Amino acid sequence: MKKLCMMIFIGLLFSVSLIAQQVDFEEYDLDNGLHVILHQDNTAPVVNISVMYHVGAKDEVEGRSGFAHFFEHLLFEGTKNIPKGEFFKIVAANGGRNNANTTQDRTYYYETFPSNNLELGLWLESERMLHPVINQDGVDTQNEVVKEEKRARIDNAPYGKIAYRTGINPHIFKKHPYGNSVIGSMEDLDAAQLNEFIEFHKKYYSPNNAVLVVAGDFQSDTTKKMIEDYFGPIPKGDPVPRVNVIEDDITEAIKVTEYDANIQIPVKLFIYRTPSAKHRDTYALNMVSSILTSGRSSRLYKRLVDTRKSLQVLAFNDSQEDYGTYIIGALPMGEVSLNDLASEIDDEINKLQTELISEKEFQKLQNIFENNFVNSNSGVANIVNTLARNYMLRGNTNLINEQIDMYRSLTREDLMRVANKYLKPNQRVEMDYLKKETEQ
């Protein structure tokens, strides 16, 4: 009886925790098309302001790669009312912090301030949207910054071509611009003229191609008026064309070799093309990844790392707006060959395709994803990012509350089905990632 009561008590506590994680928000559009999402949380005197633009590396034209990432840097250069180099200084002097990042699908700017500086944050982002200074001096400055970033993160970093997908995406995407690198080609950036940067900005960095999210300690009516005052006068841009490229199915394994002078240990990788982040199957694929490599009790960890055949294993589904990329890999120990690792990995994939996982293992998975859900909605910075991404790339802002129900709706049969549908040996890139010997 005591055990039963304790189980009920724990269950009630967990239910209360999930209820407490409900994220309330309000969303609406300004007349110029800017989508606004507000999440009020007055428990701490902090506010987060973010703007996500629906432009990424996939929106670049051939021969001009790297523009979206370049603008991630360029739009910190200054505005008509913010002198060159002062953006970061203003934020820091007012107790804030800020940053930005770019993917294939979007570019994201954000600031975190003490809540009494909310208006400053809104002004800064409205300045970035309405009054950016795009001149040759700024382009030349950021060109050198981007080159150094590429050298540090990709060219001279161990496994950089894997981490930033420059050695992966061209093999899995032959038609879709996901095959391009987010950081782009330095030759393309060097060849670009100033007017091309200006036209790129005009095309994509308009209010009707963006979402503004404010979360934290604020008063709704006052904040709405400030948003209208600062963002309402910004002119609406032309409708933005969306990428619509369909990849041909992979019907025969693509075997490739990539080289990296910065590594000592090679990697065996299997890379599969998977559906859009909007597709329900992406949730099942995330669970398959967890079965294979999440923690010391995962299947590939026990099979390869515990037996000292592999130094490290990995499996994850990288879901994007149009397609996803599923990557499974391992680093060998000692004299273990990459082919041996491939056979071991294939055997575990085959088990997922032919045998239902146990009820016990499935319940463990559900617990893991329940816990991930609770953690993902903690803190305004996480919430702001999730709200923006769900609205822009998944078409449903309320996924911040509904996503856990997607995982709960999955069955053991769903996991077997997606393993069979997407992880077939004839539908993948098989990569040997080897050390490149430097010339003497």
Protein backbone atom coordinates (compact mmCIF):
# COMPACT_ATOMS: atom_id res chain seq x y z
CA MET A 1 0.00 0.00 0.00
CA LYS A 2 2.85 2.38 0.87
CA LYS A 3 4.48 1.66 -2.49
CA LEU A 4 1.21 2.36 -4.31
CA CYS A 5 0.71 5.63 -2.45
CA MET A 6 4.27 6.71 -3.21
CA MET A 7 3.80 5.97 -6.92
CA ILE A 8 0.58 8.00 -6.96
CA PHE A 9 2.34 10.84 -5.13
CA ILE A 10 5.24 10.88 -7.59
CA GLY A 11 2.80 10.78 -10.50
CA LEU A 12 0.90 13.76 -9.11
CA LEU A 13 4.12 15.70 -8.61
CA PHE A 14 5.16 15.00 -12.20
CA SER A 15 1.73 16.03 -13.48
CA VAL A 16 1.94 19.30 -11.58
CA SER A 17 5.42 19.86 -13.04
CA LEU A 18 4.11 19.42 -16.57
CA ILE A 19 1.16 21.71 -15.93
CA ALA A 20 3.55 24.32 -14.53
CA GLN A 21 5.48 24.12 -17.79
CA GLN A 22 2.52 25.41 -19.82
CA VAL A 23 3.80 28.47 -21.70
CA ASP A 24 1.16 31.15 -22.11
CA PHE A 25 1.68 33.57 -24.97
CA GLU A 26 -0.12 36.05 -27.16
CA GLU A 27 0.55 36.58 -30.86
CA TYR A 28 -0.64 39.11 -33.40
CA ASP A 29 0.47 40.93 -36.57
CA LEU A 30 1.30 44.57 -37.12
CA ASP A 31 -0.07 46.25 -40.24
CA ASN A 32 3.34 45.93 -41.93
CA GLY A 33 3.28 42.14 -41.53
CA LEU A 34 5.62 41.80 -38.54
CA HIS A 35 4.46 38.88 -36.42
CA VAL A 36 4.67 39.54 -32.68
CA ILE A 37 4.70 36.96 -29.88
CA LEU A 38 4.55 37.99 -26.21
CA HIS A 39 5.20 35.74 -23.24
CA GLN A 40 4.81 37.53 -19.92
CA ASP A 41 6.64 36.10 -16.90
CA ASN A 42 7.10 38.53 -14.02
CA THR A 43 8.91 36.13 -11.69
CA ALA A 44 12.33 37.69 -12.38
CA PRO A 45 13.31 41.22 -13.50
CA VAL A 46 14.67 40.06 -16.84
CA VAL A 47 13.39 40.46 -20.37
CA ASN A 48 14.49 38.86 -23.64
CA ILE A 49 13.93 40.49 -27.03
CA SER A 50 14.53 38.58 -30.25
CA VAL A 51 13.94 38.98 -33.95
CA MET A 52 14.08 35.98 -36.27
CA TYR A 53 14.24 36.62 -40.02
CA HIS A 54 13.06 33.94 -42.43
CA VAL A 55 16.28 33.89 -44.40
CA GLY A 56 19.15 31.45 -44.27
CA ALA A 57 21.80 29.85 -46.42
CA LYS A 58 19.21 28.06 -48.56
CA ASP A 59 17.93 31.44 -49.86
CA GLU A 60 21.20 32.41 -51.50
CA VAL A 61 21.73 32.34 -55.25
CA GLU A 62 24.40 30.22 -56.89
CA GLY A 63 27.76 31.95 -56.85
CA ARG A 64 26.85 34.14 -53.87
CA SER A 65 26.91 31.73 -50.96
CA GLY A 66 27.38 32.94 -47.39
CA PHE A 67 25.21 36.07 -47.63
CA ALA A 68 22.80 35.19 -44.80
CA HIS A 69 25.61 34.37 -42.39
CA PHE A 70 27.47 37.46 -43.56
CA PHE A 71 24.46 39.62 -42.61
CA GLU A 72 24.41 38.02 -39.18
CA HIS A 73 27.68 39.93 -38.69
CA LEU A 74 27.05 42.94 -40.90
CA LEU A 75 23.90 44.06 -39.09
CA PHE A 76 25.93 44.67 -35.95
CA GLU A 77 28.07 47.23 -37.79
CA GLY A 78 25.83 50.15 -36.94
CA THR A 79 22.77 52.12 -38.03
CA LYS A 80 21.95 55.72 -38.88
CA ASN A 81 21.56 56.33 -35.14
CA ILE A 82 24.12 53.84 -33.74
CA PRO A 83 27.75 54.59 -34.64
CA LYS A 84 29.96 51.87 -36.06
CA GLY A 85 31.12 49.45 -33.39
CA GLU A 86 28.78 50.78 -30.69
CA PHE A 87 26.01 48.15 -30.78
CA PHE A 88 27.68 45.73 -28.36
CA LYS A 89 28.92 48.57 -26.16
CA ILE A 90 25.40 49.96 -25.71
CA VAL A 91 24.08 46.55 -24.72
CA ALA A 92 26.88 45.86 -22.24
CA ALA A 93 26.71 49.34 -20.70
CA ASN A 94 23.04 48.75 -19.90
CA GLY A 95 23.51 45.41 -18.22
CA GLY A 96 22.58 43.26 -21.20
CA ARG A 97 24.04 40.62 -23.43
CA ASN A 98 23.32 39.82 -27.04
CA ASN A 99 24.26 37.60 -29.94
CA ALA A 100 23.05 36.14 -33.22
CA ASN A 101 23.25 32.95 -35.26
CA THR A 102 22.35 31.67 -38.71
CA THR A 103 21.14 28.33 -40.08
CA GLN A 104 20.02 27.10 -43.46
CA ASP A 105 16.51 28.40 -42.73
CA ARG A 106 16.68 31.53 -40.56
CA THR A 107 18.78 34.25 -38.95
CA TYR A 108 18.25 35.02 -35.26
CA TYR A 109 19.17 38.11 -33.22
CA TYR A 110 18.52 38.42 -29.49
CA GLU A 111 19.22 40.51 -26.40
CA THR A 112 18.68 39.86 -22.70
CA PHE A 113 18.31 42.94 -20.47
CA PRO A 114 17.19 43.89 -16.99
CA SER A 115 13.49 44.47 -17.50
CA ASN A 116 13.80 48.24 -17.07
CA ASN A 117 15.72 48.29 -20.37
CA LEU A 118 13.00 46.64 -22.46
CA GLU A 119 12.47 49.81 -24.48
CA LEU A 120 16.17 50.02 -25.28
CA GLY A 121 16.11 46.45 -26.62
CA LEU A 122 13.11 47.18 -28.81
CA TRP A 123 14.75 50.33 -30.14
CA LEU A 124 17.97 48.46 -30.97
CA GLU A 125 16.14 45.78 -32.97
CA SER A 126 13.95 48.33 -34.74
CA GLU A 127 17.10 50.26 -35.67
CA ARG A 128 18.64 47.08 -37.04
CA MET A 129 15.53 46.48 -39.16
CA LEU A 130 14.89 50.05 -40.36
CA HIS A 131 18.20 51.94 -40.43
CA PRO A 132 21.15 49.58 -41.01
CA VAL A 133 24.25 51.10 -42.57
CA ILE A 134 25.42 48.85 -45.39
CA ASN A 135 28.55 50.33 -46.91
CA GLN A 136 31.86 49.15 -48.32
CA ASP A 137 33.71 49.80 -45.08
CA GLY A 138 31.37 47.49 -43.15
CA VAL A 139 31.48 44.82 -45.85
CA ASP A 140 35.30 44.85 -45.89
CA THR A 141 35.48 44.66 -42.08
CA GLN A 142 33.07 41.75 -41.75
CA ASN A 143 34.62 39.93 -44.70
CA GLU A 144 37.79 39.51 -42.65
CA VAL A 145 35.78 38.49 -39.57
CA VAL A 146 33.95 35.77 -41.49
CA LYS A 147 37.18 34.46 -43.02
CA GLU A 148 38.73 34.14 -39.58
CA GLU A 149 35.61 32.38 -38.30
CA LYS A 150 35.80 29.87 -41.15
CA ARG A 151 39.47 29.19 -40.45
CA ALA A 152 38.85 28.74 -36.72
CA ARG A 153 35.67 26.64 -36.87
CA ILE A 154 36.08 24.62 -40.06
CA ASP A 155 39.46 24.75 -41.77
CA ASN A 156 41.61 24.34 -38.65
CA ALA A 157 39.18 22.61 -36.28
CA PRO A 158 39.16 18.81 -35.83
CA TYR A 159 36.01 17.36 -37.39
CA GLY A 160 34.98 20.88 -38.43
CA LYS A 161 33.59 19.67 -41.76
CA ILE A 162 31.28 17.30 -39.86
CA ALA A 163 30.20 19.76 -37.19
CA TYR A 164 29.36 22.46 -39.75
CA ARG A 165 28.17 19.98 -42.41
CA THR A 166 30.46 21.28 -45.14
CA GLY A 167 31.70 17.73 -45.69
CA ILE A 168 28.22 16.19 -45.39
CA ASN A 169 25.49 18.30 -46.99
CA PRO A 170 26.83 18.31 -50.58
CA HIS A 171 26.61 14.51 -50.65
CA ILE A 172 23.05 14.22 -49.31
CA PHE A 173 21.50 17.24 -51.10
CA LYS A 174 22.16 17.32 -54.84
CA LYS A 175 19.40 19.76 -55.85
CA HIS A 176 18.21 21.51 -52.72
CA PRO A 177 20.35 24.46 -51.53
CA TYR A 178 20.80 22.69 -48.19
CA GLY A 179 23.81 21.29 -50.02
CA ASN A 180 25.51 24.66 -49.56
CA SER A 181 27.54 25.68 -46.52
CA VAL A 182 26.00 28.17 -44.10
CA ILE A 183 29.29 30.02 -43.76
CA GLY A 184 29.60 30.10 -47.54
CA SER A 185 32.45 30.41 -49.97
CA MET A 186 35.06 33.07 -49.32
CA GLU A 187 35.53 33.40 -53.07
CA ASP A 188 31.82 34.21 -53.45
CA LEU A 189 31.96 36.87 -50.74
CA ASP A 190 35.13 38.39 -52.21
CA ALA A 191 33.51 38.61 -55.65
CA ALA A 192 30.26 40.19 -54.43
CA GLN A 193 29.64 43.87 -55.11
CA LEU A 194 28.16 46.29 -52.58
CA ASN A 195 24.92 46.62 -54.52
CA GLU A 196 24.39 42.84 -54.21
CA PHE A 197 24.52 43.06 -50.42
CA ILE A 198 22.08 45.98 -50.49
CA GLU A 199 19.65 44.07 -52.72
CA PHE A 200 19.88 40.95 -50.53
CA HIS A 201 19.00 43.03 -47.48
CA LYS A 202 16.10 44.72 -49.23
CA LYS A 203 14.69 41.35 -50.28
CA TYR A 204 14.77 39.53 -46.94
CA TYR A 205 15.13 41.84 -43.93
CA SER A 206 11.66 43.34 -43.87
CA PRO A 207 9.02 43.16 -41.10
CA ASN A 208 6.77 40.84 -43.13
CA ASN A 209 9.63 38.31 -43.22
CA ALA A 210 10.30 38.37 -39.48
CA VAL A 211 8.92 37.50 -36.07
CA LEU A 212 9.52 39.59 -32.95
CA VAL A 213 9.36 37.73 -29.62
CA VAL A 214 9.41 39.41 -26.22
CA ALA A 215 9.49 37.27 -23.08
CA GLY A 216 9.95 38.01 -19.42
CA ASP A 217 9.10 40.78 -16.99
CA PHE A 218 6.94 43.36 -18.76
CA GLN A 219 3.44 44.82 -18.81
CA SER A 220 1.49 43.81 -21.90
CA ASP A 221 -0.30 47.08 -22.78
CA THR A 222 2.82 49.22 -22.35
CA THR A 223 4.92 46.77 -24.36
CA LYS A 224 2.41 46.60 -27.21
CA LYS A 225 2.46 50.39 -27.51
CA MET A 226 6.28 50.45 -27.61
CA ILE A 227 6.29 47.74 -30.26
CA GLU A 228 3.82 49.72 -32.35
CA ASP A 229 5.83 52.93 -31.90
CA TYR A 230 9.18 51.41 -32.85
CA PHE A 231 8.24 48.75 -35.41
CA GLY A 232 4.92 49.97 -36.81
CA PRO A 233 6.42 52.70 -39.06
CA ILE A 234 8.85 50.29 -40.75
CA PRO A 235 7.70 49.82 -44.36
CA LYS A 236 6.43 46.43 -45.46
CA GLY A 237 8.65 44.66 -47.99
CA ASP A 238 7.72 42.76 -51.12
CA PRO A 239 6.45 39.19 -50.69
CA VAL A 240 9.42 36.86 -50.17
CA PRO A 241 9.65 33.82 -52.47
CA ARG A 242 10.20 30.56 -50.62
CA VAL A 243 12.52 27.79 -51.71
CA ASN A 244 10.61 24.86 -53.21
CA VAL A 245 13.08 22.25 -54.42
CA ILE A 246 12.32 18.52 -54.34
CA GLU A 247 15.23 16.11 -54.00
CA ASP A 248 15.32 12.85 -55.91
CA ASP A 249 15.15 9.77 -53.70
CA ILE A 250 18.43 8.05 -52.92
CA THR A 251 18.05 4.49 -54.20
CA GLU A 252 21.64 3.26 -54.01
CA ALA A 253 24.21 3.84 -51.29
CA ILE A 254 26.60 6.71 -52.02
CA LYS A 255 30.11 5.88 -50.82
CA VAL A 256 32.42 8.83 -50.22
CA THR A 257 35.65 9.70 -48.44
CA GLU A 258 36.39 13.04 -46.80
CA TYR A 259 39.77 14.10 -45.42
CA ASP A 260 40.69 16.29 -42.45
CA ALA A 261 44.30 17.20 -41.62
CA ASN A 262 43.29 18.18 -38.09
CA ILE A 263 42.24 14.74 -36.80
CA GLN A 264 44.05 11.70 -35.46
CA ILE A 265 41.10 9.28 -35.26
CA PRO A 266 38.89 8.57 -38.30
CA VAL A 267 35.08 8.37 -38.24
CA LYS A 268 32.58 6.07 -39.90
CA LEU A 269 29.35 7.88 -40.78
CA PHE A 270 26.00 6.83 -42.19
CA ILE A 271 23.93 9.82 -43.38
CA TYR A 272 20.26 9.60 -44.34
CA ARG A 273 17.83 12.19 -45.70
CA THR A 274 14.75 12.54 -43.50
CA PRO A 275 11.53 14.60 -43.64
CA SER A 276 10.82 18.19 -42.64
CA ALA A 277 10.68 19.24 -39.00
CA LYS A 278 6.92 19.65 -39.52
CA HIS A 279 6.49 15.90 -40.09
CA ARG A 280 5.38 13.66 -37.21
CA ASP A 281 8.05 11.08 -38.12
CA THR A 282 10.78 13.45 -36.94
CA TYR A 283 9.67 12.84 -33.35
CA ALA A 284 9.95 9.10 -33.81
CA LEU A 285 13.41 9.50 -35.35
CA ASN A 286 14.50 11.54 -32.34
CA MET A 287 13.46 8.63 -30.14
CA VAL A 288 15.37 6.18 -32.35
CA SER A 289 18.48 8.34 -31.83
CA SER A 290 18.01 8.16 -28.09
CA ILE A 291 17.73 4.36 -28.21
CA LEU A 292 21.01 4.14 -30.11
CA THR A 293 23.31 6.64 -28.41
CA SER A 294 21.70 8.56 -25.54
CA GLY A 295 23.71 7.76 -22.43
CA ARG A 296 25.72 4.82 -21.20
CA SER A 297 22.77 2.42 -21.33
CA SER A 298 22.06 3.12 -25.02
CA ARG A 299 22.48 0.27 -27.49
CA LEU A 300 25.45 1.49 -29.50
CA TYR A 301 27.24 2.75 -26.40
CA LYS A 302 27.00 -0.65 -24.73
CA ARG A 303 27.86 -2.48 -27.94
CA LEU A 304 30.80 -0.37 -29.09
CA VAL A 305 32.11 1.87 -26.31
CA ASP A 306 31.75 -0.57 -23.40
CA THR A 307 33.48 -3.28 -25.44
CA ARG A 308 36.28 -0.83 -26.36
CA LYS A 309 35.60 -1.08 -30.07
CA SER A 310 34.74 2.61 -30.30
CA LEU A 311 35.91 5.75 -28.56
CA GLN A 312 32.62 7.54 -29.18
CA VAL A 313 29.26 6.95 -30.89
CA LEU A 314 26.70 9.41 -32.18
CA ALA A 315 23.21 9.38 -33.67
CA PHE A 316 20.92 12.36 -34.15
CA ASN A 317 18.18 13.66 -36.41
CA ASP A 318 18.85 17.25 -37.54
CA SER A 319 15.38 18.43 -38.59
CA GLN A 320 15.09 21.54 -40.74
CA GLU A 321 12.25 23.37 -42.46
CA ASP A 322 12.33 21.42 -45.74
CA TYR A 323 14.28 18.23 -45.00
CA GLY A 324 16.20 16.64 -42.18
CA THR A 325 19.54 14.84 -41.99
CA TYR A 326 19.96 11.75 -39.85
CA ILE A 327 23.58 10.98 -38.92
CA ILE A 328 24.92 7.84 -37.23
CA GLY A 329 28.63 7.41 -36.59
CA ALA A 330 31.45 6.01 -34.49
CA LEU A 331 35.17 6.59 -33.87
CA PRO A 332 37.21 3.36 -33.73
CA MET A 333 39.46 2.25 -30.89
CA GLY A 334 42.84 0.67 -31.57
CA GLU A 335 42.93 -1.59 -34.61
CA VAL A 336 39.17 -1.77 -35.11
CA SER A 337 38.41 -0.98 -38.75
CA LEU A 338 35.74 1.39 -40.04
CA ASN A 339 34.15 -1.55 -41.86
CA ASP A 340 33.85 -3.43 -38.56
CA LEU A 341 32.12 -0.44 -37.00
CA ALA A 342 29.77 -0.22 -39.99
CA SER A 343 28.75 -3.86 -39.55
CA GLU A 344 28.08 -3.38 -35.84
CA ILE A 345 25.99 -0.26 -36.47
CA ASP A 346 24.02 -1.96 -39.23
CA ASP A 347 23.25 -4.86 -36.93
CA GLU A 348 21.71 -2.53 -34.35
CA ILE A 349 19.71 -0.70 -37.01
CA ASN A 350 18.46 -4.06 -38.27
CA LYS A 351 17.27 -4.96 -34.78
CA LEU A 352 15.23 -1.76 -34.65
CA GLN A 353 13.73 -2.63 -38.03
CA THR A 354 12.78 -6.21 -37.14
CA GLU A 355 12.14 -6.27 -33.37
CA LEU A 356 9.86 -4.09 -31.28
CA ILE A 357 11.72 -2.49 -28.42
CA SER A 358 10.64 -3.72 -24.99
CA GLU A 359 7.91 -2.01 -23.00
CA LYS A 360 10.51 -1.20 -20.35
CA GLU A 361 12.84 0.48 -22.85
CA PHE A 362 9.93 2.38 -24.37
CA GLN A 363 8.81 3.68 -20.98
CA LYS A 364 12.37 4.83 -20.30
CA LEU A 365 12.28 6.73 -23.59
CA GLN A 366 9.02 8.42 -22.66
CA ASN A 367 10.53 9.48 -19.33
CA ILE A 368 13.59 10.93 -21.07
CA PHE A 369 11.49 13.01 -23.45
CA GLU A 370 9.12 14.14 -20.69
CA ASN A 371 12.16 15.39 -18.77
CA ASN A 372 13.60 17.07 -21.89
CA PHE A 373 10.29 18.85 -22.40
CA VAL A 374 10.28 20.21 -18.86
CA ASN A 375 13.87 21.44 -19.18
CA SER A 376 13.36 22.98 -22.62
CA ASN A 377 10.69 25.36 -21.32
CA SER A 378 12.79 26.69 -18.44
CA GLY A 379 14.16 30.20 -18.79
CA VAL A 380 13.02 33.03 -21.02
CA ALA A 381 15.97 32.63 -23.43
CA ASN A 382 14.92 29.06 -24.27
CA ILE A 383 11.26 30.03 -24.51
CA VAL A 384 11.90 32.97 -26.86
CA ASN A 385 13.93 30.83 -29.25
CA THR A 386 11.38 28.01 -29.23
CA LEU A 387 8.40 30.32 -29.82
CA ALA A 388 10.11 32.01 -32.78
CA ARG A 389 11.30 28.75 -34.32
CA ASN A 390 7.94 26.98 -33.93
CA TYR A 391 6.09 29.86 -35.55
CA MET A 392 8.48 30.44 -38.42
CA LEU A 393 9.76 26.98 -39.34
CA ARG A 394 7.07 24.62 -38.09
CA GLY A 395 3.96 26.71 -38.64
CA ASN A 396 2.60 26.21 -35.12
CA THR A 397 3.69 28.47 -32.26
CA ASN A 398 1.83 26.34 -29.72
CA LEU A 399 4.13 23.39 -30.34
CA ILE A 400 5.94 24.76 -27.29
CA ASN A 401 3.06 23.20 -25.34
CA GLU A 402 1.94 20.47 -27.73
CA GLN A 403 5.24 18.86 -28.63
CA ILE A 404 5.20 16.53 -25.63
CA ASP A 405 1.85 15.19 -26.83
CA MET A 406 3.49 14.32 -30.15
CA TYR A 407 5.98 12.13 -28.30
CA ARG A 408 3.28 10.65 -26.09
CA SER A 409 1.27 9.67 -29.15
CA LEU A 410 4.10 7.54 -30.55
CA THR A 411 4.09 3.76 -30.24
CA ARG A 412 6.76 1.09 -30.37
CA GLU A 413 5.41 0.24 -33.81
CA ASP A 414 6.06 3.83 -34.94
CA LEU A 415 9.72 3.51 -34.02
CA MET A 416 10.05 0.28 -35.99
CA ARG A 417 8.22 1.84 -38.94
CA VAL A 418 10.46 4.92 -39.21
CA ALA A 419 13.60 2.80 -38.83
CA ASN A 420 12.43 0.76 -41.81
CA LYS A 421 11.30 3.75 -43.83
CA TYR A 422 14.28 6.10 -43.44
CA LEU A 423 17.30 4.04 -42.34
CA LYS A 424 17.58 1.69 -45.30
CA PRO A 425 21.15 0.86 -46.44
CA ASN A 426 20.36 1.82 -50.05
CA GLN A 427 19.12 5.29 -48.99
CA ARG A 428 22.23 6.70 -47.40
CA VAL A 429 25.65 8.22 -47.78
CA GLU A 430 28.38 5.97 -46.36
CA MET A 431 31.33 8.13 -45.38
CA ASP A 432 34.87 7.34 -44.29
CA TYR A 433 36.20 10.49 -42.63
CA LEU A 434 39.98 10.11 -42.62
CA LYS A 435 43.08 11.99 -41.55
CA LYS A 436 44.61 13.89 -44.42
CA GLU A 437 48.36 13.49 -44.46
CA THR A 438 50.11 16.82 -44.83
CA GLU A 439 52.69 17.22 -47.52
CA GLN A 440 56.31 17.16 -46.37
